[in-house]
Amino acid sequence: MKGDTTDIVERDPSLDSDGRAAYRVNTDGRGLTATIVGAVAEVADCDPVSEGFRLYDVVDPEALERLFPDDAADGRVVGTVTFELRGCRVEVHSDGEHVVYAPEEAHHDSHSPSVGSA
């Protein structure tokens, strides 16, 4: 991972899945979509600005924010949205425990990514 990151993610081997390393996402009061983009950039070791990847190419950021607002911990919303971004599998959970899995190509795995919804 790039040395200039703000450590948005923390490695958690207990969450590894399908041969992919798992990283817990630390939101620390940042907006959900900005946090997800930063976490993917950190795990995929890339710069989201210069490499031009966009979250809205795979999921509607406004819809994601509406599904899981900052105050979602009150129990109103229950569910998970799963999608792929820059080769990373991203799981956004209503309880705030978001996870980013390392890109598949890092593990030379050729199976298709799975997509889920709330």
PDB file of N, CA and C in Angstrom:
ATOM      1  N   MET A   1       0.830  -1.187   0.000  1.00  0.00           N
ATOM      2  CA  MET A   1       0.000   0.000   0.000  1.00  0.00           C
ATOM      3  C   MET A   1       0.870   1.244   0.000  1.00  0.00           C
ATOM      4  N   LYS A   2       0.342   2.314  -0.530  1.00  0.00           N
ATOM      5  CA  LYS A   2       1.092   3.557  -0.622  1.00  0.00           C
ATOM      6  C   LYS A   2       1.440   4.079   0.773  1.00  0.00           C
ATOM      7  N   GLY A   3       2.609   4.669   0.909  1.00  0.00           N
ATOM      8  CA  GLY A   3       3.047   5.182   2.193  1.00  0.00           C
ATOM      9  C   GLY A   3       2.360   6.462   2.601  1.00  0.00           C
ATOM     10  N   ASP A   4       1.673   7.149   1.656  1.00  0.00           N
ATOM     11  CA  ASP A   4       1.045   8.426   1.965  1.00  0.00           C
ATOM     12  C   ASP A   4      -0.431   8.297   2.315  1.00  0.00           C
ATOM     13  N   THR A   5      -0.895   7.105   2.644  1.00  0.00           N
ATOM     14  CA  THR A   5      -2.292   6.906   2.994  1.00  0.00           C
ATOM     15  C   THR A   5      -2.538   7.298   4.437  1.00  0.00           C
ATOM     16  N   THR A   6      -3.805   7.417   4.784  1.00  0.00           N
ATOM     17  CA  THR A   6      -4.164   7.807   6.139  1.00  0.00           C
ATOM     18  C   THR A   6      -4.621   6.609   6.962  1.00  0.00           C
ATOM     19  N   ASP A   7      -4.261   5.414   6.529  1.00  0.00           N
ATOM     20  CA  ASP A   7      -4.628   4.192   7.244  1.00  0.00           C
ATOM     21  C   ASP A   7      -6.131   4.088   7.480  1.00  0.00           C
ATOM     22  N   ILE A   8      -6.862   4.130   6.397  1.00  0.00           N
ATOM     23  CA  ILE A   8      -8.311   3.984   6.455  1.00  0.00           C
ATOM     24  C   ILE A   8      -8.672   2.537   6.745  1.00  0.00           C
ATOM     25  N   VAL A   9      -7.791   1.617   6.374  1.00  0.00           N
ATOM     26  CA  VAL A   9      -8.081   0.199   6.548  1.00  0.00           C
ATOM     27  C   VAL A   9      -7.112  -0.449   7.529  1.00  0.00           C
ATOM     28  N   GLU A  10      -7.592  -1.540   8.110  1.00  0.00           N
ATOM     29  CA  GLU A  10      -6.761  -2.345   9.015  1.00  0.00           C
ATOM     30  C   GLU A  10      -6.934  -3.805   8.622  1.00  0.00           C
ATOM     31  N   ARG A  11      -5.845  -4.487   8.397  1.00  0.00           N
ATOM     32  CA  ARG A  11      -5.867  -5.895   7.995  1.00  0.00           C
ATOM     33  C   ARG A  11      -6.523  -6.739   9.074  1.00  0.00           C
ATOM     34  N   ASP A  12      -7.443  -7.625   8.673  1.00  0.00           N
ATOM     35  CA  ASP A  12      -8.123  -8.521   9.605  1.00  0.00           C
ATOM     36  C   ASP A  12      -8.198  -9.924   9.003  1.00  0.00           C
ATOM     37  N   PRO A  13      -7.168 -10.755   9.248  1.00  0.00           N
ATOM     38  CA  PRO A  13      -7.130 -12.103   8.670  1.00  0.00           C
ATOM     39  C   PRO A  13      -8.349 -12.964   9.005  1.00  0.00           C
ATOM     40  N   SER A  14      -9.032 -12.682  10.100  1.00  0.00           N
ATOM     41  CA  SER A  14     -10.200 -13.487  10.465  1.00  0.00           C
ATOM     42  C   SER A  14     -11.352 -13.315   9.472  1.00  0.00           C
ATOM     43  N   LEU A  15     -11.314 -12.281   8.652  1.00  0.00           N
ATOM     44  CA  LEU A  15     -12.368 -12.029   7.674  1.00  0.00           C
ATOM     45  C   LEU A  15     -11.995 -12.465   6.257  1.00  0.00           C
ATOM     46  N   ASP A  16     -10.774 -12.986   6.064  1.00  0.00           N
ATOM     47  CA  ASP A  16     -10.345 -13.411   4.731  1.00  0.00           C
ATOM     48  C   ASP A  16     -11.388 -14.340   4.117  1.00  0.00           C
ATOM     49  N   SER A  17     -11.585 -14.195   2.798  1.00  0.00           N
ATOM     50  CA  SER A  17     -12.595 -14.990   2.109  1.00  0.00           C
ATOM     51  C   SER A  17     -12.150 -15.265   0.681  1.00  0.00           C
ATOM     52  N   ASP A  18     -12.382 -16.473   0.202  1.00  0.00           N
ATOM     53  CA  ASP A  18     -12.055 -16.852  -1.168  1.00  0.00           C
ATOM     54  C   ASP A  18     -10.601 -16.547  -1.517  1.00  0.00           C
ATOM     55  N   GLY A  19      -9.702 -16.720  -0.570  1.00  0.00           N
ATOM     56  CA  GLY A  19      -8.285 -16.480  -0.812  1.00  0.00           C
ATOM     57  C   GLY A  19      -7.903 -15.011  -0.897  1.00  0.00           C
ATOM     58  N   ARG A  20      -8.816 -14.134  -0.505  1.00  0.00           N
ATOM     59  CA  ARG A  20      -8.549 -12.699  -0.572  1.00  0.00           C
ATOM     60  C   ARG A  20      -8.332 -12.145   0.840  1.00  0.00           C
ATOM     61  N   ALA A  21      -7.316 -11.309   0.975  1.00  0.00           N
ATOM     62  CA  ALA A  21      -7.051 -10.646   2.252  1.00  0.00           C
ATOM     63  C   ALA A  21      -8.167  -9.640   2.536  1.00  0.00           C
ATOM     64  N   ALA A  22      -8.595  -9.568   3.798  1.00  0.00           N
ATOM     65  CA  ALA A  22      -9.682  -8.679   4.198  1.00  0.00           C
ATOM     66  C   ALA A  22      -9.161  -7.525   5.039  1.00  0.00           C
ATOM     67  N   TYR A  23      -9.768  -6.360   4.848  1.00  0.00           N
ATOM     68  CA  TYR A  23      -9.398  -5.146   5.569  1.00  0.00           C
ATOM     69  C   TYR A  23     -10.650  -4.482   6.109  1.00  0.00           C
ATOM     70  N   ARG A  24     -10.668  -4.236   7.422  1.00  0.00           N
ATOM     71  CA  ARG A  24     -11.766  -3.468   8.028  1.00  0.00           C
ATOM     72  C   ARG A  24     -11.585  -2.003   7.665  1.00  0.00           C
ATOM     73  N   VAL A  25     -12.684  -1.325   7.414  1.00  0.00           N
ATOM     74  CA  VAL A  25     -12.655   0.082   7.030  1.00  0.00           C
ATOM     75  C   VAL A  25     -12.947   0.945   8.246  1.00  0.00           C
ATOM     76  N   ASN A  26     -12.089   1.926   8.493  1.00  0.00           N
ATOM     77  CA  ASN A  26     -12.231   2.857   9.600  1.00  0.00           C
ATOM     78  C   ASN A  26     -12.852   4.143   9.062  1.00  0.00           C
ATOM     79  N   THR A  27     -14.112   4.402   9.383  1.00  0.00           N
ATOM     80  CA  THR A  27     -14.795   5.577   8.850  1.00  0.00           C
ATOM     81  C   THR A  27     -14.381   6.868   9.540  1.00  0.00           C
ATOM     82  N   ASP A  28     -14.132   6.848  10.828  1.00  0.00           N
ATOM     83  CA  ASP A  28     -13.666   8.022  11.587  1.00  0.00           C
ATOM     84  C   ASP A  28     -14.353   9.333  11.213  1.00  0.00           C
ATOM     85  N   GLY A  29     -15.673   9.293  11.048  1.00  0.00           N
ATOM     86  CA  GLY A  29     -16.427  10.516  10.814  1.00  0.00           C
ATOM     87  C   GLY A  29     -16.382  11.034   9.387  1.00  0.00           C
ATOM     88  N   ARG A  30     -15.652  10.375   8.506  1.00  0.00           N
ATOM     89  CA  ARG A  30     -15.656  10.773   7.098  1.00  0.00           C
ATOM     90  C   ARG A  30     -16.955  10.280   6.472  1.00  0.00           C
ATOM     91  N   GLY A  31     -17.346  10.857   5.361  1.00  0.00           N
ATOM     92  CA  GLY A  31     -18.521  10.399   4.637  1.00  0.00           C
ATOM     93  C   GLY A  31     -18.313   8.983   4.132  1.00  0.00           C
ATOM     94  N   LEU A  32     -19.391   8.229   4.020  1.00  0.00           N
ATOM     95  CA  LEU A  32     -19.308   6.826   3.631  1.00  0.00           C
ATOM     96  C   LEU A  32     -18.651   6.645   2.269  1.00  0.00           C
ATOM     97  N   THR A  33     -19.104   7.352   1.261  1.00  0.00           N
ATOM     98  CA  THR A  33     -18.568   7.117  -0.081  1.00  0.00           C
ATOM     99  C   THR A  33     -17.111   7.547  -0.189  1.00  0.00           C
ATOM    100  N   ALA A  34     -16.754   8.651   0.425  1.00  0.00           N
ATOM    101  CA  ALA A  34     -15.345   9.082   0.407  1.00  0.00           C
ATOM    102  C   ALA A  34     -14.474   8.068   1.129  1.00  0.00           C
ATOM    103  N   THR A  35     -14.984   7.515   2.207  1.00  0.00           N
ATOM    104  CA  THR A  35     -14.241   6.504   2.958  1.00  0.00           C
ATOM    105  C   THR A  35     -14.043   5.244   2.130  1.00  0.00           C
ATOM    106  N   ILE A  36     -15.088   4.808   1.439  1.00  0.00           N
ATOM    107  CA  ILE A  36     -14.995   3.600   0.618  1.00  0.00           C
ATOM    108  C   ILE A  36     -13.971   3.793  -0.497  1.00  0.00           C
ATOM    109  N   VAL A  37     -14.018   4.937  -1.176  1.00  0.00           N
ATOM    110  CA  VAL A  37     -13.053   5.211  -2.247  1.00  0.00           C
ATOM    111  C   VAL A  37     -11.630   5.230  -1.684  1.00  0.00           C
ATOM    112  N   GLY A  38     -11.442   5.878  -0.539  1.00  0.00           N
ATOM    113  CA  GLY A  38     -10.116   5.918   0.087  1.00  0.00           C
ATOM    114  C   GLY A  38      -9.635   4.542   0.506  1.00  0.00           C
ATOM    115  N   ALA A  39     -10.541   3.731   1.027  1.00  0.00           N
ATOM    116  CA  ALA A  39     -10.176   2.382   1.458  1.00  0.00           C
ATOM    117  C   ALA A  39      -9.774   1.509   0.261  1.00  0.00           C
ATOM    118  N   VAL A  40     -10.528   1.596  -0.815  1.00  0.00           N
ATOM    119  CA  VAL A  40     -10.186   0.825  -2.011  1.00  0.00           C
ATOM    120  C   VAL A  40      -8.846   1.294  -2.570  1.00  0.00           C
ATOM    121  N   ALA A  41      -8.636   2.598  -2.598  1.00  0.00           N
ATOM    122  CA  ALA A  41      -7.350   3.127  -3.086  1.00  0.00           C
ATOM    123  C   ALA A  41      -6.196   2.601  -2.243  1.00  0.00           C
ATOM    124  N   GLU A  42      -6.404   2.522  -0.935  1.00  0.00           N
ATOM    125  CA  GLU A  42      -5.361   2.031  -0.039  1.00  0.00           C
ATOM    126  C   GLU A  42      -5.099   0.537  -0.263  1.00  0.00           C
ATOM    127  N   VAL A  43      -6.155  -0.255  -0.355  1.00  0.00           N
ATOM    128  CA  VAL A  43      -5.997  -1.701  -0.526  1.00  0.00           C
ATOM    129  C   VAL A  43      -5.455  -2.036  -1.917  1.00  0.00           C
ATOM    130  N   ALA A  44      -5.943  -1.346  -2.951  1.00  0.00           N
ATOM    131  CA  ALA A  44      -5.510  -1.620  -4.323  1.00  0.00           C
ATOM    132  C   ALA A  44      -4.210  -0.899  -4.675  1.00  0.00           C
ATOM    133  N   ASP A  45      -3.699  -0.103  -3.729  1.00  0.00           N
ATOM    134  CA  ASP A  45      -2.447   0.624  -3.909  1.00  0.00           C
ATOM    135  C   ASP A  45      -2.470   1.486  -5.174  1.00  0.00           C
ATOM    136  N   CYS A  46      -3.465   2.370  -5.224  1.00  0.00           N
ATOM    137  CA  CYS A  46      -3.599   3.250  -6.382  1.00  0.00           C
ATOM    138  C   CYS A  46      -4.089   4.623  -5.921  1.00  0.00           C
ATOM    139  N   ASP A  47      -4.020   5.580  -6.819  1.00  0.00           N
ATOM    140  CA  ASP A  47      -4.475   6.939  -6.560  1.00  0.00           C
ATOM    141  C   ASP A  47      -5.801   7.140  -7.285  1.00  0.00           C
ATOM    142  N   PRO A  48      -6.901   7.318  -6.552  1.00  0.00           N
ATOM    143  CA  PRO A  48      -8.209   7.417  -7.203  1.00  0.00           C
ATOM    144  C   PRO A  48      -8.338   8.640  -8.113  1.00  0.00           C
ATOM    145  N   VAL A  49      -7.573   9.673  -7.870  1.00  0.00           N
ATOM    146  CA  VAL A  49      -7.663  10.873  -8.698  1.00  0.00           C
ATOM    147  C   VAL A  49      -6.898  10.689 -10.003  1.00  0.00           C
ATOM    148  N   SER A  50      -5.631  10.327  -9.904  1.00  0.00           N
ATOM    149  CA  SER A  50      -4.822  10.209 -11.116  1.00  0.00           C
ATOM    150  C   SER A  50      -5.189   8.989 -11.956  1.00  0.00           C
ATOM    151  N   GLU A  51      -5.699   7.945 -11.318  1.00  0.00           N
ATOM    152  CA  GLU A  51      -6.059   6.747 -12.076  1.00  0.00           C
ATOM    153  C   GLU A  51      -7.521   6.761 -12.500  1.00  0.00           C
ATOM    154  N   GLY A  52      -8.264   7.774 -12.072  1.00  0.00           N
ATOM    155  CA  GLY A  52      -9.607   8.026 -12.577  1.00  0.00           C
ATOM    156  C   GLY A  52     -10.673   6.982 -12.323  1.00  0.00           C
ATOM    157  N   PHE A  53     -10.614   6.236 -11.233  1.00  0.00           N
ATOM    158  CA  PHE A  53     -11.729   5.329 -10.998  1.00  0.00           C
ATOM    159  C   PHE A  53     -12.833   6.070 -10.273  1.00  0.00           C
ATOM    160  N   ARG A  54     -14.064   5.693 -10.612  1.00  0.00           N
ATOM    161  CA  ARG A  54     -15.223   6.389 -10.062  1.00  0.00           C
ATOM    162  C   ARG A  54     -16.171   5.390  -9.421  1.00  0.00           C
ATOM    163  N   LEU A  55     -16.561   5.676  -8.208  1.00  0.00           N
ATOM    164  CA  LEU A  55     -17.497   4.813  -7.497  1.00  0.00           C
ATOM    165  C   LEU A  55     -18.806   4.705  -8.262  1.00  0.00           C
ATOM    166  N   TYR A  56     -19.271   5.805  -8.844  1.00  0.00           N
ATOM    167  CA  TYR A  56     -20.565   5.776  -9.523  1.00  0.00           C
ATOM    168  C   TYR A  56     -20.577   4.925 -10.785  1.00  0.00           C
ATOM    169  N   ASP A  57     -19.430   4.428 -11.209  1.00  0.00           N
ATOM    170  CA  ASP A  57     -19.405   3.482 -12.328  1.00  0.00           C
ATOM    171  C   ASP A  57     -19.933   2.113 -11.911  1.00  0.00           C
ATOM    172  N   VAL A  58     -19.943   1.830 -10.607  1.00  0.00           N
ATOM    173  CA  VAL A  58     -20.382   0.512 -10.132  1.00  0.00           C
ATOM    174  C   VAL A  58     -21.563   0.563  -9.163  1.00  0.00           C
ATOM    175  N   VAL A  59     -21.749   1.685  -8.489  1.00  0.00           N
ATOM    176  CA  VAL A  59     -22.865   1.817  -7.552  1.00  0.00           C
ATOM    177  C   VAL A  59     -23.209   3.305  -7.432  1.00  0.00           C
ATOM    178  N   ASP A  60     -24.460   3.609  -7.200  1.00  0.00           N
ATOM    179  CA  ASP A  60     -24.901   4.998  -7.046  1.00  0.00           C
ATOM    180  C   ASP A  60     -24.496   5.496  -5.659  1.00  0.00           C
ATOM    181  N   PRO A  61     -23.520   6.428  -5.577  1.00  0.00           N
ATOM    182  CA  PRO A  61     -23.048   6.897  -4.270  1.00  0.00           C
ATOM    183  C   PRO A  61     -24.151   7.538  -3.423  1.00  0.00           C
ATOM    184  N   GLU A  62     -25.060   8.272  -4.055  1.00  0.00           N
ATOM    185  CA  GLU A  62     -26.145   8.903  -3.298  1.00  0.00           C
ATOM    186  C   GLU A  62     -27.085   7.857  -2.710  1.00  0.00           C
ATOM    187  N   ALA A  63     -27.373   6.824  -3.481  1.00  0.00           N
ATOM    188  CA  ALA A  63     -28.225   5.751  -2.975  1.00  0.00           C
ATOM    189  C   ALA A  63     -27.540   5.031  -1.809  1.00  0.00           C
ATOM    190  N   LEU A  64     -26.242   4.814  -1.920  1.00  0.00           N
ATOM    191  CA  LEU A  64     -25.487   4.170  -0.847  1.00  0.00           C
ATOM    192  C   LEU A  64     -25.549   5.001   0.425  1.00  0.00           C
ATOM    193  N   GLU A  65     -25.382   6.310   0.284  1.00  0.00           N
ATOM    194  CA  GLU A  65     -25.465   7.212   1.450  1.00  0.00           C
ATOM    195  C   GLU A  65     -26.876   7.211   2.043  1.00  0.00           C
ATOM    196  N   ARG A  66     -27.911   7.128   1.193  1.00  0.00           N
ATOM    197  CA  ARG A  66     -29.287   7.102   1.705  1.00  0.00           C
ATOM    198  C   ARG A  66     -29.579   5.778   2.410  1.00  0.00           C
ATOM    199  N   LEU A  67     -29.042   4.671   1.871  1.00  0.00           N
ATOM    200  CA  LEU A  67     -29.259   3.372   2.510  1.00  0.00           C
ATOM    201  C   LEU A  67     -28.584   3.285   3.871  1.00  0.00           C
ATOM    202  N   PHE A  68     -27.357   3.822   3.937  1.00  0.00           N
ATOM    203  CA  PHE A  68     -26.555   3.696   5.146  1.00  0.00           C
ATOM    204  C   PHE A  68     -26.090   5.067   5.625  1.00  0.00           C
ATOM    205  N   PRO A  69     -27.025   5.883   6.143  1.00  0.00           N
ATOM    206  CA  PRO A  69     -26.619   7.202   6.647  1.00  0.00           C
ATOM    207  C   PRO A  69     -25.769   7.059   7.910  1.00  0.00           C
ATOM    208  N   ASP A  70     -25.093   8.145   8.277  1.00  0.00           N
ATOM    209  CA  ASP A  70     -24.215   8.118   9.455  1.00  0.00           C
ATOM    210  C   ASP A  70     -24.946   7.653  10.707  1.00  0.00           C
ATOM    211  N   ASP A  71     -26.256   7.921  10.798  1.00  0.00           N
ATOM    212  CA  ASP A  71     -27.007   7.544  11.997  1.00  0.00           C
ATOM    213  C   ASP A  71     -27.725   6.194  11.826  1.00  0.00           C
ATOM    214  N   ALA A  72     -27.285   5.365  10.873  1.00  0.00           N
ATOM    215  CA  ALA A  72     -27.935   4.076  10.607  1.00  0.00           C
ATOM    216  C   ALA A  72     -27.801   3.097  11.764  1.00  0.00           C
ATOM    217  N   ALA A  73     -26.877   3.346  12.669  1.00  0.00           N
ATOM    218  CA  ALA A  73     -26.670   2.439  13.795  1.00  0.00           C
ATOM    219  C   ALA A  73     -27.889   2.360  14.713  1.00  0.00           C
ATOM    220  N   ASP A  74     -28.882   3.234  14.489  1.00  0.00           N
ATOM    221  CA  ASP A  74     -30.073   3.200  15.327  1.00  0.00           C
ATOM    222  C   ASP A  74     -30.993   2.027  14.988  1.00  0.00           C
ATOM    223  N   GLY A  75     -30.618   1.209  13.991  1.00  0.00           N
ATOM    224  CA  GLY A  75     -31.369   0.008  13.693  1.00  0.00           C
ATOM    225  C   GLY A  75     -32.434   0.152  12.624  1.00  0.00           C
ATOM    226  N   ARG A  76     -32.593   1.339  12.044  1.00  0.00           N
ATOM    227  CA  ARG A  76     -33.615   1.532  11.018  1.00  0.00           C
ATOM    228  C   ARG A  76     -33.328   0.711   9.770  1.00  0.00           C
ATOM    229  N   VAL A  77     -32.079   0.613   9.411  1.00  0.00           N
ATOM    230  CA  VAL A  77     -31.688  -0.053   8.177  1.00  0.00           C
ATOM    231  C   VAL A  77     -30.877  -1.299   8.533  1.00  0.00           C
ATOM    232  N   VAL A  78     -31.226  -2.415   7.910  1.00  0.00           N
ATOM    233  CA  VAL A  78     -30.472  -3.640   8.126  1.00  0.00           C
ATOM    234  C   VAL A  78     -30.159  -4.225   6.747  1.00  0.00           C
ATOM    235  N   GLY A  79     -28.876  -4.487   6.514  1.00  0.00           N
ATOM    236  CA  GLY A  79     -28.515  -5.085   5.241  1.00  0.00           C
ATOM    237  C   GLY A  79     -27.072  -4.845   4.870  1.00  0.00           C
ATOM    238  N   THR A  80     -26.727  -5.343   3.696  1.00  0.00           N
ATOM    239  CA  THR A  80     -25.374  -5.245   3.163  1.00  0.00           C
ATOM    240  C   THR A  80     -25.452  -4.999   1.671  1.00  0.00           C
ATOM    241  N   VAL A  81     -24.578  -4.149   1.170  1.00  0.00           N
ATOM    242  CA  VAL A  81     -24.417  -3.964  -0.265  1.00  0.00           C
ATOM    243  C   VAL A  81     -23.001  -4.414  -0.596  1.00  0.00           C
ATOM    244  N   THR A  82     -22.883  -5.282  -1.603  1.00  0.00           N
ATOM    245  CA  THR A  82     -21.590  -5.810  -2.020  1.00  0.00           C
ATOM    246  C   THR A  82     -21.375  -5.469  -3.485  1.00  0.00           C
ATOM    247  N   PHE A  83     -20.172  -4.961  -3.803  1.00  0.00           N
ATOM    248  CA  PHE A  83     -19.856  -4.622  -5.190  1.00  0.00           C
ATOM    249  C   PHE A  83     -18.346  -4.703  -5.382  1.00  0.00           C
ATOM    250  N   GLU A  84     -17.909  -4.643  -6.635  1.00  0.00           N
ATOM    251  CA  GLU A  84     -16.490  -4.680  -6.987  1.00  0.00           C
ATOM    252  C   GLU A  84     -16.057  -3.299  -7.454  1.00  0.00           C
ATOM    253  N   LEU A  85     -14.899  -2.852  -6.993  1.00  0.00           N
ATOM    254  CA  LEU A  85     -14.321  -1.575  -7.416  1.00  0.00           C
ATOM    255  C   LEU A  85     -12.809  -1.751  -7.467  1.00  0.00           C
ATOM    256  N   ARG A  86     -12.218  -1.470  -8.616  1.00  0.00           N
ATOM    257  CA  ARG A  86     -10.766  -1.623  -8.833  1.00  0.00           C
ATOM    258  C   ARG A  86     -10.289  -3.030  -8.468  1.00  0.00           C
ATOM    259  N   GLY A  87     -11.125  -4.024  -8.727  1.00  0.00           N
ATOM    260  CA  GLY A  87     -10.765  -5.407  -8.439  1.00  0.00           C
ATOM    261  C   GLY A  87     -10.999  -5.821  -6.999  1.00  0.00           C
ATOM    262  N   CYS A  88     -11.329  -4.881  -6.143  1.00  0.00           N
ATOM    263  CA  CYS A  88     -11.591  -5.178  -4.728  1.00  0.00           C
ATOM    264  C   CYS A  88     -13.075  -5.469  -4.528  1.00  0.00           C
ATOM    265  N   ARG A  89     -13.378  -6.474  -3.706  1.00  0.00           N
ATOM    266  CA  ARG A  89     -14.762  -6.688  -3.293  1.00  0.00           C
ATOM    267  C   ARG A  89     -14.997  -5.796  -2.086  1.00  0.00           C
ATOM    268  N   VAL A  90     -16.091  -5.041  -2.134  1.00  0.00           N
ATOM    269  CA  VAL A  90     -16.423  -4.108  -1.068  1.00  0.00           C
ATOM    270  C   VAL A  90     -17.748  -4.535  -0.456  1.00  0.00           C
ATOM    271  N   GLU A  91     -17.777  -4.641   0.863  1.00  0.00           N
ATOM    272  CA  GLU A  91     -19.006  -4.948   1.583  1.00  0.00           C
ATOM    273  C   GLU A  91     -19.319  -3.772   2.498  1.00  0.00           C
ATOM    274  N   VAL A  92     -20.463  -3.141   2.260  1.00  0.00           N
ATOM    275  CA  VAL A  92     -20.918  -2.027   3.086  1.00  0.00           C
ATOM    276  C   VAL A  92     -22.059  -2.570   3.935  1.00  0.00           C
ATOM    277  N   HIS A  93     -21.865  -2.562   5.247  1.00  0.00           N
ATOM    278  CA  HIS A  93     -22.836  -3.143   6.176  1.00  0.00           C
ATOM    279  C   HIS A  93     -23.580  -2.046   6.941  1.00  0.00           C
ATOM    280  N   SER A  94     -24.837  -2.297   7.207  1.00  0.00           N
ATOM    281  CA  SER A  94     -25.654  -1.318   7.920  1.00  0.00           C
ATOM    282  C   SER A  94     -25.159  -1.054   9.338  1.00  0.00           C
ATOM    283  N   ASP A  95     -24.410  -1.994   9.922  1.00  0.00           N
ATOM    284  CA  ASP A  95     -23.903  -1.791  11.285  1.00  0.00           C
ATOM    285  C   ASP A  95     -22.606  -0.979  11.309  1.00  0.00           C
ATOM    286  N   GLY A  96     -22.144  -0.532  10.122  1.00  0.00           N
ATOM    287  CA  GLY A  96     -20.945   0.295  10.052  1.00  0.00           C
ATOM    288  C   GLY A  96     -19.647  -0.480   9.952  1.00  0.00           C
ATOM    289  N   GLU A  97     -19.720  -1.811   9.981  1.00  0.00           N
ATOM    290  CA  GLU A  97     -18.528  -2.660   9.883  1.00  0.00           C
ATOM    291  C   GLU A  97     -18.261  -2.984   8.413  1.00  0.00           C
ATOM    292  N   HIS A  98     -17.663  -2.060   7.692  1.00  0.00           N
ATOM    293  CA  HIS A  98     -17.413  -2.223   6.267  1.00  0.00           C
ATOM    294  C   HIS A  98     -16.095  -2.964   6.047  1.00  0.00           C
ATOM    295  N   VAL A  99     -16.037  -3.751   4.949  1.00  0.00           N
ATOM    296  CA  VAL A  99     -14.862  -4.572   4.655  1.00  0.00           C
ATOM    297  C   VAL A  99     -14.498  -4.419   3.182  1.00  0.00           C
ATOM    298  N   VAL A 100     -13.188  -4.295   2.917  1.00  0.00           N
ATOM    299  CA  VAL A 100     -12.670  -4.295   1.554  1.00  0.00           C
ATOM    300  C   VAL A 100     -11.721  -5.481   1.431  1.00  0.00           C
ATOM    301  N   TYR A 101     -11.950  -6.288   0.388  1.00  0.00           N
ATOM    302  CA  TYR A 101     -11.102  -7.447   0.125  1.00  0.00           C
ATOM    303  C   TYR A 101     -10.109  -7.098  -0.977  1.00  0.00           C
ATOM    304  N   ALA A 102      -8.901  -7.589  -0.858  1.00  0.00           N
ATOM    305  CA  ALA A 102      -7.842  -7.327  -1.841  1.00  0.00           C
ATOM    306  C   ALA A 102      -8.301  -7.725  -3.238  1.00  0.00           C
ATOM    307  N   PRO A 103      -7.749  -7.078  -4.254  1.00  0.00           N
ATOM    308  CA  PRO A 103      -8.116  -7.408  -5.635  1.00  0.00           C
ATOM    309  C   PRO A 103      -7.857  -8.873  -5.961  1.00  0.00           C
ATOM    310  N   GLU A 104      -8.732  -9.435  -6.760  1.00  0.00           N
ATOM    311  CA  GLU A 104      -8.591 -10.839  -7.172  1.00  0.00           C
ATOM    312  C   GLU A 104      -7.288 -11.082  -7.898  1.00  0.00           C
ATOM    313  N   GLU A 105      -6.905 -10.192  -8.793  1.00  0.00           N
ATOM    314  CA  GLU A 105      -5.692 -10.419  -9.576  1.00  0.00           C
ATOM    315  C   GLU A 105      -4.459 -10.524  -8.695  1.00  0.00           C
ATOM    316  N   ALA A 106      -4.509  -9.966  -7.505  1.00  0.00           N
ATOM    317  CA  ALA A 106      -3.387 -10.091  -6.583  1.00  0.00           C
ATOM    318  C   ALA A 106      -3.213 -11.538  -6.134  1.00  0.00           C
ATOM    319  N   HIS A 107      -4.279 -12.324  -6.286  1.00  0.00           N
ATOM    320  CA  HIS A 107      -4.245 -13.728  -5.867  1.00  0.00           C
ATOM    321  C   HIS A 107      -4.351 -14.669  -7.052  1.00  0.00           C
ATOM    322  N   HIS A 108      -4.301 -14.118  -8.280  1.00  0.00           N
ATOM    323  CA  HIS A 108      -4.360 -14.912  -9.506  1.00  0.00           C
ATOM    324  C   HIS A 108      -5.586 -15.805  -9.531  1.00  0.00           C
ATOM    325  N   ASP A 109      -6.702 -15.285  -9.065  1.00  0.00           N
ATOM    326  CA  ASP A 109      -7.959 -16.016  -9.047  1.00  0.00           C
ATOM    327  C   ASP A 109      -8.796 -15.550 -10.230  1.00  0.00           C
ATOM    328  N   SER A 110      -9.311 -16.460 -11.032  1.00  0.00           N
ATOM    329  CA  SER A 110      -9.986 -16.076 -12.259  1.00  0.00           C
ATOM    330  C   SER A 110     -11.506 -16.168 -12.190  1.00  0.00           C
ATOM    331  N   HIS A 111     -12.098 -16.525 -11.047  1.00  0.00           N
ATOM    332  CA  HIS A 111     -13.551 -16.638 -11.025  1.00  0.00           C
ATOM    333  C   HIS A 111     -14.225 -15.270 -10.994  1.00  0.00           C
ATOM    334  N   SER A 112     -15.450 -15.214 -11.426  1.00  0.00           N
ATOM    335  CA  SER A 112     -16.188 -13.958 -11.532  1.00  0.00           C
ATOM    336  C   SER A 112     -16.534 -13.406 -10.172  1.00  0.00           C
ATOM    337  N   PRO A 113     -16.548 -12.048 -10.039  1.00  0.00           N
ATOM    338  CA  PRO A 113     -16.922 -11.435  -8.774  1.00  0.00           C
ATOM    339  C   PRO A 113     -18.411 -11.596  -8.515  1.00  0.00           C
ATOM    340  N   SER A 114     -18.788 -11.622  -7.254  1.00  0.00           N
ATOM    341  CA  SER A 114     -20.191 -11.696  -6.894  1.00  0.00           C
ATOM    342  C   SER A 114     -20.711 -10.305  -6.546  1.00  0.00           C
ATOM    343  N   VAL A 115     -21.965 -10.084  -6.806  1.00  0.00           N
ATOM    344  CA  VAL A 115     -22.583  -8.800  -6.499  1.00  0.00           C
ATOM    345  C   VAL A 115     -23.789  -9.086  -5.645  1.00  0.00           C
ATOM    346  N   GLY A 116     -23.952  -8.336  -4.565  1.00  0.00           N
ATOM    347  CA  GLY A 116     -25.091  -8.502  -3.687  1.00  0.00           C
ATOM    348  C   GLY A 116     -25.802  -7.188  -3.470  1.00  0.00           C
ATOM    349  N   SER A 117     -26.889  -7.227  -2.766  1.00  0.00           N
ATOM    350  CA  SER A 117     -27.618  -6.003  -2.469  1.00  0.00           C
ATOM    351  C   SER A 117     -28.313  -6.129  -1.138  1.00  0.00           C
ATOM    352  N   ALA A 118     -28.776  -4.986  -0.667  1.00  0.00           N
ATOM    353  CA  ALA A 118     -29.467  -4.951   0.619  1.00  0.00           C
ATOM    354  C   ALA A 118     -30.835  -5.519   0.496  1.00  0.00           C
TER     355      ALA A 118
END
